[in-house]
């Protein structure tokens, strides 16, 4: 039964045992029982979203949100690639893609970022008409590794994919598709910048990636394993724990 005041601790006197005259053996025990060394027990990394998507989602603390985050990023890309197979109506595809991209932006900004990694950003209008940007991170939340992997991977990856689509649109002279790519890059870039400002850990990883890339470039070893490992860390890990609210600049 819980009490309002501090609990009273009862101390019990344990009689001191007489020391034994049997000498202690300094030789290691040959018994089969062994005590595991805590330092030798390393936690296994979470399964990769690319090699084992089902396991990654199943180990997430919010599997439904993780799946929704993955689908909201993947469906517009798949529709952009295969949409003309199902319909030749460009206006219909254009409107549908814009709606899906806008829904993904809202979902990432307001729900999945807050629930999966404990980050949130928004803007507010002051009385003088100026806009203030607020970047907030949870001080107490310790995100699940699978949640972080799914969130950060599918935050960065679509931006790279849509950048590729934009370049291919120019090369193939498909100018009617370029506005869709530009809208996607604008919305994805806004979320990337907002969550980058929220998470100091991601700032450190990206800064380290840039610094590592410059150093490797000077040494003529941009393809080294260390640089590839730094790139992989940016896209597969990350959390937003232990950081304070960072008010943005007024516009």
C-alpha atoms as a PDB file:
ATOM      1  CA  UNK A   1       0.000   0.000   0.000  1.00  0.00           C
ATOM      2  CA  UNK A   2       1.481   3.331  -1.102  1.00  0.00           C
ATOM      3  CA  UNK A   3       1.993   6.043   1.514  1.00  0.00           C
ATOM      4  CA  UNK A   4       2.365   9.777   1.083  1.00  0.00           C
ATOM      5  CA  UNK A   5       5.515  10.075   3.138  1.00  0.00           C
ATOM      6  CA  UNK A   6       8.910   8.453   2.679  1.00  0.00           C
ATOM      7  CA  UNK A   7       9.132   4.778   3.424  1.00  0.00           C
ATOM      8  CA  UNK A   8      10.841   3.642   6.645  1.00  0.00           C
ATOM      9  CA  UNK A   9      13.758   1.354   6.064  1.00  0.00           C
ATOM     10  CA  UNK A  10      14.426  -1.353   8.682  1.00  0.00           C
ATOM     11  CA  UNK A  11      18.052  -2.320   9.078  1.00  0.00           C
ATOM     12  CA  UNK A  12      18.828  -5.834  10.329  1.00  0.00           C
ATOM     13  CA  UNK A  13      22.080  -6.578  12.127  1.00  0.00           C
ATOM     14  CA  UNK A  14      23.804  -9.580  10.620  1.00  0.00           C
ATOM     15  CA  UNK A  15      26.122 -11.413  13.040  1.00  0.00           C
ATOM     16  CA  UNK A  16      29.711 -11.473  11.899  1.00  0.00           C
ATOM     17  CA  UNK A  17      30.836 -14.957  10.940  1.00  0.00           C
ATOM     18  CA  UNK A  18      34.081 -16.344  12.229  1.00  0.00           C
ATOM     19  CA  UNK A  19      36.800 -16.562   9.665  1.00  0.00           C
ATOM     20  CA  UNK A  20      37.645 -20.024   8.443  1.00  0.00           C
ATOM     21  CA  UNK A  21      41.154 -21.343   8.666  1.00  0.00           C
ATOM     22  CA  UNK A  22      40.794 -23.121   5.356  1.00  0.00           C
ATOM     23  CA  UNK A  23      43.171 -21.494   2.886  1.00  0.00           C
ATOM     24  CA  UNK A  24      41.648 -19.944  -0.185  1.00  0.00           C
ATOM     25  CA  UNK A  25      42.603 -21.410  -3.513  1.00  0.00           C
ATOM     26  CA  UNK A  26      44.081 -18.926  -5.955  1.00  0.00           C
ATOM     27  CA  UNK A  27      43.692 -21.287  -8.878  1.00  0.00           C
ATOM     28  CA  UNK A  28      40.778 -20.654 -11.241  1.00  0.00           C
ATOM     29  CA  UNK A  29      37.800 -22.891 -10.683  1.00  0.00           C
ATOM     30  CA  UNK A  30      37.352 -25.832 -12.979  1.00  0.00           C
ATOM     31  CA  UNK A  31      33.624 -25.958 -12.396  1.00  0.00           C
ATOM     32  CA  UNK A  32      31.355 -26.068 -15.423  1.00  0.00           C
ATOM     33  CA  UNK A  33      29.340 -23.132 -14.104  1.00  0.00           C
ATOM     34  CA  UNK A  34      30.638 -19.762 -15.200  1.00  0.00           C
ATOM     35  CA  UNK A  35      29.534 -16.214 -14.623  1.00  0.00           C
ATOM     36  CA  UNK A  36      29.087 -14.335 -17.892  1.00  0.00           C
ATOM     37  CA  UNK A  37      31.143 -11.222 -18.348  1.00  0.00           C
ATOM     38  CA  UNK A  38      28.841  -8.248 -18.845  1.00  0.00           C
ATOM     39  CA  UNK A  39      31.403  -6.548 -21.062  1.00  0.00           C
ATOM     40  CA  UNK A  40      31.377  -9.511 -23.427  1.00  0.00           C
ATOM     41  CA  UNK A  41      27.615  -9.353 -23.897  1.00  0.00           C
ATOM     42  CA  UNK A  42      26.957  -6.963 -26.758  1.00  0.00           C
ATOM     43  CA  UNK A  43      23.495  -6.039 -27.891  1.00  0.00           C
ATOM     44  CA  UNK A  44      22.699  -7.185 -31.383  1.00  0.00           C
ATOM     45  CA  UNK A  45      21.870  -4.470 -33.903  1.00  0.00           C
ATOM     46  CA  UNK A  46      18.286  -4.253 -35.126  1.00  0.00           C
ATOM     47  CA  UNK A  47      17.503  -6.123 -38.341  1.00  0.00           C
ATOM     48  CA  UNK A  48      17.957  -4.096 -41.507  1.00  0.00           C
ATOM     49  CA  UNK A  49      14.812  -2.712 -43.095  1.00  0.00           C
ATOM     50  CA  UNK A  50      16.152  -3.735 -46.513  1.00  0.00           C
ATOM     51  CA  UNK A  51      17.212  -7.300 -45.722  1.00  0.00           C
ATOM     52  CA  UNK A  52      14.419  -8.136 -43.284  1.00  0.00           C
ATOM     53  CA  UNK A  53      11.557  -5.617 -43.427  1.00  0.00           C
ATOM     54  CA  UNK A  54       9.109  -7.914 -41.646  1.00  0.00           C
ATOM     55  CA  UNK A  55      11.442  -8.459 -38.685  1.00  0.00           C
ATOM     56  CA  UNK A  56      12.248  -4.762 -38.466  1.00  0.00           C
ATOM     57  CA  UNK A  57       8.599  -3.754 -38.349  1.00  0.00           C
ATOM     58  CA  UNK A  58       7.724  -6.552 -35.914  1.00  0.00           C
ATOM     59  CA  UNK A  59      10.412  -5.364 -33.465  1.00  0.00           C
ATOM     60  CA  UNK A  60       9.143  -1.799 -33.637  1.00  0.00           C
ATOM     61  CA  UNK A  61       7.377  -0.386 -30.592  1.00  0.00           C
ATOM     62  CA  UNK A  62       4.797   1.150 -32.960  1.00  0.00           C
ATOM     63  CA  UNK A  63       4.538  -1.379 -35.812  1.00  0.00           C
ATOM     64  CA  UNK A  64       1.407   0.135 -37.332  1.00  0.00           C
ATOM     65  CA  UNK A  65       2.928   3.623 -37.431  1.00  0.00           C
ATOM     66  CA  UNK A  66       6.222   2.259 -38.756  1.00  0.00           C
ATOM     67  CA  UNK A  67       4.369   0.477 -41.558  1.00  0.00           C
ATOM     68  CA  UNK A  68       2.321   3.602 -42.267  1.00  0.00           C
ATOM     69  CA  UNK A  69       5.500   5.698 -42.432  1.00  0.00           C
ATOM     70  CA  UNK A  70       7.028   3.220 -44.877  1.00  0.00           C
ATOM     71  CA  UNK A  71       3.924   3.076 -47.082  1.00  0.00           C
ATOM     72  CA  UNK A  72       3.379   6.833 -47.153  1.00  0.00           C
ATOM     73  CA  UNK A  73       6.878   7.234 -48.624  1.00  0.00           C
ATOM     74  CA  UNK A  74       6.765   4.250 -50.969  1.00  0.00           C
ATOM     75  CA  UNK A  75       3.310   4.549 -52.536  1.00  0.00           C
ATOM     76  CA  UNK A  76       3.932   7.906 -54.310  1.00  0.00           C
ATOM     77  CA  UNK A  77       7.208   6.570 -55.726  1.00  0.00           C
ATOM     78  CA  UNK A  78       5.552   3.399 -57.020  1.00  0.00           C
ATOM     79  CA  UNK A  79       2.631   5.372 -58.453  1.00  0.00           C
ATOM     80  CA  UNK A  80       5.035   7.731 -60.210  1.00  0.00           C
ATOM     81  CA  UNK A  81       6.827   4.781 -61.827  1.00  0.00           C
ATOM     82  CA  UNK A  82       3.908   2.475 -62.642  1.00  0.00           C
ATOM     83  CA  UNK A  83       0.949   4.880 -62.724  1.00  0.00           C
ATOM     84  CA  UNK A  84       0.818   5.068 -66.507  1.00  0.00           C
ATOM     85  CA  UNK A  85       0.401   1.292 -66.638  1.00  0.00           C
ATOM     86  CA  UNK A  86      -3.034   1.581 -65.032  1.00  0.00           C
ATOM     87  CA  UNK A  87      -4.267   4.846 -66.538  1.00  0.00           C
ATOM     88  CA  UNK A  88      -3.275   7.272 -69.282  1.00  0.00           C
ATOM     89  CA  UNK A  89      -5.008  10.219 -67.600  1.00  0.00           C
ATOM     90  CA  UNK A  90      -2.113  12.473 -66.643  1.00  0.00           C
ATOM     91  CA  UNK A  91      -4.317  14.972 -64.789  1.00  0.00           C
ATOM     92  CA  UNK A  92      -5.679  12.215 -62.551  1.00  0.00           C
ATOM     93  CA  UNK A  93      -2.192  10.927 -61.752  1.00  0.00           C
ATOM     94  CA  UNK A  94      -0.900  14.447 -61.144  1.00  0.00           C
ATOM     95  CA  UNK A  95      -3.654  15.318 -58.655  1.00  0.00           C
ATOM     96  CA  UNK A  96      -3.430  11.942 -56.914  1.00  0.00           C
ATOM     97  CA  UNK A  97       0.339  12.220 -56.508  1.00  0.00           C
ATOM     98  CA  UNK A  98       0.103  15.745 -55.102  1.00  0.00           C
ATOM     99  CA  UNK A  99      -2.509  14.600 -52.575  1.00  0.00           C
ATOM    100  CA  UNK A 100      -0.391  11.609 -51.541  1.00  0.00           C
ATOM    101  CA  UNK A 101       2.718  13.766 -51.152  1.00  0.00           C
ATOM    102  CA  UNK A 102       0.840  16.339 -49.080  1.00  0.00           C
ATOM    103  CA  UNK A 103      -0.612  13.589 -46.875  1.00  0.00           C
ATOM    104  CA  UNK A 104       2.839  12.098 -46.384  1.00  0.00           C
ATOM    105  CA  UNK A 105       4.246  15.497 -45.409  1.00  0.00           C
ATOM    106  CA  UNK A 106       1.503  16.037 -42.813  1.00  0.00           C
ATOM    107  CA  UNK A 107       1.821  12.489 -41.457  1.00  0.00           C
ATOM    108  CA  UNK A 108       5.605  12.707 -41.102  1.00  0.00           C
ATOM    109  CA  UNK A 109       5.556  16.178 -39.577  1.00  0.00           C
ATOM    110  CA  UNK A 110       2.758  15.686 -37.059  1.00  0.00           C
ATOM    111  CA  UNK A 111       2.545  11.978 -36.199  1.00  0.00           C
ATOM    112  CA  UNK A 112       5.369   9.609 -37.115  1.00  0.00           C
ATOM    113  CA  UNK A 113       8.191  11.950 -36.131  1.00  0.00           C
ATOM    114  CA  UNK A 114       6.674  12.550 -32.712  1.00  0.00           C
ATOM    115  CA  UNK A 115       5.716   8.940 -32.017  1.00  0.00           C
ATOM    116  CA  UNK A 116       8.682   7.074 -33.518  1.00  0.00           C
ATOM    117  CA  UNK A 117      11.646   9.260 -32.515  1.00  0.00           C
ATOM    118  CA  UNK A 118      10.182  11.856 -30.125  1.00  0.00           C
ATOM    119  CA  UNK A 119      10.794  14.868 -32.383  1.00  0.00           C
ATOM    120  CA  UNK A 120       8.471  17.640 -33.497  1.00  0.00           C
ATOM    121  CA  UNK A 121       8.722  20.950 -35.326  1.00  0.00           C
ATOM    122  CA  UNK A 122       6.216  23.622 -36.205  1.00  0.00           C
ATOM    123  CA  UNK A 123       5.807  27.358 -36.720  1.00  0.00           C
ATOM    124  CA  UNK A 124       3.790  29.973 -34.893  1.00  0.00           C
ATOM    125  CA  UNK A 125       2.809  33.518 -35.829  1.00  0.00           C
ATOM    126  CA  UNK A 126       3.608  36.158 -33.225  1.00  0.00           C
ATOM    127  CA  UNK A 127       1.473  39.179 -32.451  1.00  0.00           C
ATOM    128  CA  UNK A 128       3.706  41.410 -34.574  1.00  0.00           C
ATOM    129  CA  UNK A 129       3.091  39.190 -37.604  1.00  0.00           C
ATOM    130  CA  UNK A 130       6.504  37.512 -37.574  1.00  0.00           C
ATOM    131  CA  UNK A 131       6.814  33.739 -37.908  1.00  0.00           C
ATOM    132  CA  UNK A 132       8.750  31.782 -35.295  1.00  0.00           C
ATOM    133  CA  UNK A 133       9.927  28.244 -35.967  1.00  0.00           C
ATOM    134  CA  UNK A 134      10.000  25.823 -33.028  1.00  0.00           C
ATOM    135  CA  UNK A 135      12.105  22.643 -32.991  1.00  0.00           C
ATOM    136  CA  UNK A 136      11.387  20.280 -30.130  1.00  0.00           C
ATOM    137  CA  UNK A 137      12.789  16.968 -28.935  1.00  0.00           C
ATOM    138  CA  UNK A 138      11.809  14.737 -26.049  1.00  0.00           C
ATOM    139  CA  UNK A 139      14.145  14.680 -23.044  1.00  0.00           C
ATOM    140  CA  UNK A 140      12.872  11.384 -21.671  1.00  0.00           C
ATOM    141  CA  UNK A 141      11.970   9.223 -24.652  1.00  0.00           C
ATOM    142  CA  UNK A 142      14.388   6.471 -25.677  1.00  0.00           C
ATOM    143  CA  UNK A 143      13.281   5.507 -29.187  1.00  0.00           C
ATOM    144  CA  UNK A 144      13.221   1.907 -30.268  1.00  0.00           C
ATOM    145  CA  UNK A 145      16.133   1.138 -32.608  1.00  0.00           C
ATOM    146  CA  UNK A 146      13.808  -0.272 -35.246  1.00  0.00           C
ATOM    147  CA  UNK A 147      11.617   2.829 -35.012  1.00  0.00           C
ATOM    148  CA  UNK A 148      14.637   5.067 -35.519  1.00  0.00           C
ATOM    149  CA  UNK A 149      15.940   2.957 -38.390  1.00  0.00           C
ATOM    150  CA  UNK A 150      12.630   3.034 -40.244  1.00  0.00           C
ATOM    151  CA  UNK A 151      12.003   6.725 -39.604  1.00  0.00           C
ATOM    152  CA  UNK A 152      15.407   8.097 -40.612  1.00  0.00           C
ATOM    153  CA  UNK A 153      15.889   5.723 -43.547  1.00  0.00           C
ATOM    154  CA  UNK A 154      12.581   6.646 -45.145  1.00  0.00           C
ATOM    155  CA  UNK A 155      13.044  10.311 -44.333  1.00  0.00           C
ATOM    156  CA  UNK A 156      16.268  10.611 -46.348  1.00  0.00           C
ATOM    157  CA  UNK A 157      15.799   7.939 -49.016  1.00  0.00           C
ATOM    158  CA  UNK A 158      12.718   9.385 -50.808  1.00  0.00           C
ATOM    159  CA  UNK A 159      14.500  12.724 -51.186  1.00  0.00           C
ATOM    160  CA  UNK A 160      17.313  10.971 -53.048  1.00  0.00           C
ATOM    161  CA  UNK A 161      14.852   9.010 -55.184  1.00  0.00           C
ATOM    162  CA  UNK A 162      12.872  12.100 -56.191  1.00  0.00           C
ATOM    163  CA  UNK A 163      16.118  13.911 -56.964  1.00  0.00           C
ATOM    164  CA  UNK A 164      16.950  11.078 -59.358  1.00  0.00           C
ATOM    165  CA  UNK A 165      13.479  11.348 -60.921  1.00  0.00           C
ATOM    166  CA  UNK A 166      14.031  15.076 -61.430  1.00  0.00           C
ATOM    167  CA  UNK A 167      17.319  14.497 -63.250  1.00  0.00           C
ATOM    168  CA  UNK A 168      15.799  11.746 -65.394  1.00  0.00           C
ATOM    169  CA  UNK A 169      12.882  14.032 -66.248  1.00  0.00           C
ATOM    170  CA  UNK A 170      15.285  16.617 -67.633  1.00  0.00           C
ATOM    171  CA  UNK A 171      17.323  14.034 -69.519  1.00  0.00           C
ATOM    172  CA  UNK A 172      14.283  12.325 -71.044  1.00  0.00           C
ATOM    173  CA  UNK A 173      12.504  15.661 -71.689  1.00  0.00           C
ATOM    174  CA  UNK A 174       9.504  14.642 -69.553  1.00  0.00           C
ATOM    175  CA  UNK A 175       8.892  18.202 -68.415  1.00  0.00           C
ATOM    176  CA  UNK A 176       5.250  17.602 -67.449  1.00  0.00           C
ATOM    177  CA  UNK A 177       6.435  15.380 -64.583  1.00  0.00           C
ATOM    178  CA  UNK A 178       8.951  17.841 -63.192  1.00  0.00           C
ATOM    179  CA  UNK A 179       6.445  19.807 -61.032  1.00  0.00           C
ATOM    180  CA  UNK A 180       5.632  16.596 -59.150  1.00  0.00           C
ATOM    181  CA  UNK A 181       9.318  16.022 -58.448  1.00  0.00           C
ATOM    182  CA  UNK A 182       9.766  19.622 -57.325  1.00  0.00           C
ATOM    183  CA  UNK A 183       6.770  19.439 -54.976  1.00  0.00           C
ATOM    184  CA  UNK A 184       8.045  16.193 -53.473  1.00  0.00           C
ATOM    185  CA  UNK A 185      11.549  17.589 -53.012  1.00  0.00           C
ATOM    186  CA  UNK A 186      10.161  20.723 -51.364  1.00  0.00           C
ATOM    187  CA  UNK A 187       7.988  18.800 -48.896  1.00  0.00           C
ATOM    188  CA  UNK A 188      10.624  16.159 -48.166  1.00  0.00           C
ATOM    189  CA  UNK A 189      13.306  18.808 -47.803  1.00  0.00           C
ATOM    190  CA  UNK A 190      11.179  20.747 -45.318  1.00  0.00           C
ATOM    191  CA  UNK A 191      10.766  17.675 -43.116  1.00  0.00           C
ATOM    192  CA  UNK A 192      14.446  16.780 -43.390  1.00  0.00           C
ATOM    193  CA  UNK A 193      15.485  20.287 -42.383  1.00  0.00           C
ATOM    194  CA  UNK A 194      12.961  20.433 -39.545  1.00  0.00           C
ATOM    195  CA  UNK A 195      13.988  17.106 -38.023  1.00  0.00           C
ATOM    196  CA  UNK A 196      17.646  17.874 -38.627  1.00  0.00           C
ATOM    197  CA  UNK A 197      17.214  20.983 -36.495  1.00  0.00           C
ATOM    198  CA  UNK A 198      15.386  18.943 -33.833  1.00  0.00           C
ATOM    199  CA  UNK A 199      17.913  16.155 -33.430  1.00  0.00           C
ATOM    200  CA  UNK A 200      21.412  17.129 -32.408  1.00  0.00           C
ATOM    201  CA  UNK A 201      22.463  13.529 -32.917  1.00  0.00           C
ATOM    202  CA  UNK A 202      21.544  13.704 -36.581  1.00  0.00           C
ATOM    203  CA  UNK A 203      23.391  17.012 -36.832  1.00  0.00           C
ATOM    204  CA  UNK A 204      26.485  15.342 -35.455  1.00  0.00           C
ATOM    205  CA  UNK A 205      26.160  12.407 -37.842  1.00  0.00           C
ATOM    206  CA  UNK A 206      25.724  14.605 -40.900  1.00  0.00           C
ATOM    207  CA  UNK A 207      28.559  16.908 -39.837  1.00  0.00           C
ATOM    208  CA  UNK A 208      30.756  13.864 -39.288  1.00  0.00           C
ATOM    209  CA  UNK A 209      29.744  12.512 -42.696  1.00  0.00           C
ATOM    210  CA  UNK A 210      30.736  15.774 -44.415  1.00  0.00           C
ATOM    211  CA  UNK A 211      34.015  15.979 -42.516  1.00  0.00           C
ATOM    212  CA  UNK A 212      34.786  12.327 -43.172  1.00  0.00           C
ATOM    213  CA  UNK A 213      34.029  12.782 -46.860  1.00  0.00           C
ATOM    214  CA  UNK A 214      36.361  15.766 -47.131  1.00  0.00           C
ATOM    215  CA  UNK A 215      39.161  13.907 -45.397  1.00  0.00           C
ATOM    216  CA  UNK A 216      38.679  10.827 -47.548  1.00  0.00           C
ATOM    217  CA  UNK A 217      38.596  13.002 -50.661  1.00  0.00           C
ATOM    218  CA  UNK A 218      41.897  14.621 -49.772  1.00  0.00           C
ATOM    219  CA  UNK A 219      43.423  11.191 -49.322  1.00  0.00           C
ATOM    220  CA  UNK A 220      41.885   9.974 -52.572  1.00  0.00           C
ATOM    221  CA  UNK A 221      39.926   7.263 -50.799  1.00  0.00           C
ATOM    222  CA  UNK A 222      36.287   8.270 -51.101  1.00  0.00           C
ATOM    223  CA  UNK A 223      35.311   4.637 -51.625  1.00  0.00           C
ATOM    224  CA  UNK A 224      36.793   3.374 -48.374  1.00  0.00           C
ATOM    225  CA  UNK A 225      34.828   1.231 -45.973  1.00  0.00           C
ATOM    226  CA  UNK A 226      34.939   3.888 -43.257  1.00  0.00           C
ATOM    227  CA  UNK A 227      33.104   6.410 -45.412  1.00  0.00           C
ATOM    228  CA  UNK A 228      30.535   3.862 -46.533  1.00  0.00           C
ATOM    229  CA  UNK A 229      29.983   2.943 -42.900  1.00  0.00           C
ATOM    230  CA  UNK A 230      29.388   6.594 -42.032  1.00  0.00           C
ATOM    231  CA  UNK A 231      26.824   6.882 -44.832  1.00  0.00           C
ATOM    232  CA  UNK A 232      25.080   3.705 -43.653  1.00  0.00           C
ATOM    233  CA  UNK A 233      24.895   4.997 -40.065  1.00  0.00           C
ATOM    234  CA  UNK A 234      23.138   8.153 -41.217  1.00  0.00           C
ATOM    235  CA  UNK A 235      20.419   6.195 -42.991  1.00  0.00           C
ATOM    236  CA  UNK A 236      19.933   3.322 -40.535  1.00  0.00           C
ATOM    237  CA  UNK A 237      20.238   4.722 -37.005  1.00  0.00           C
ATOM    238  CA  UNK A 238      19.326   7.737 -34.997  1.00  0.00           C
ATOM    239  CA  UNK A 239      17.157   8.842 -32.140  1.00  0.00           C
ATOM    240  CA  UNK A 240      15.893  12.015 -30.680  1.00  0.00           C
ATOM    241  CA  UNK A 241      16.351  11.519 -26.976  1.00  0.00           C
ATOM    242  CA  UNK A 242      17.726  13.852 -24.410  1.00  0.00           C
ATOM    243  CA  UNK A 243      17.552  17.142 -26.255  1.00  0.00           C
ATOM    244  CA  UNK A 244      15.840  20.351 -25.328  1.00  0.00           C
ATOM    245  CA  UNK A 245      13.441  22.525 -27.288  1.00  0.00           C
ATOM    246  CA  UNK A 246      15.322  24.767 -29.690  1.00  0.00           C
ATOM    247  CA  UNK A 247      13.387  27.879 -30.732  1.00  0.00           C
ATOM    248  CA  UNK A 248      13.932  28.842 -34.330  1.00  0.00           C
ATOM    249  CA  UNK A 249      14.666  32.222 -35.769  1.00  0.00           C
ATOM    250  CA  UNK A 250      11.920  34.701 -36.338  1.00  0.00           C
ATOM    251  CA  UNK A 251      11.110  35.587 -39.923  1.00  0.00           C
END
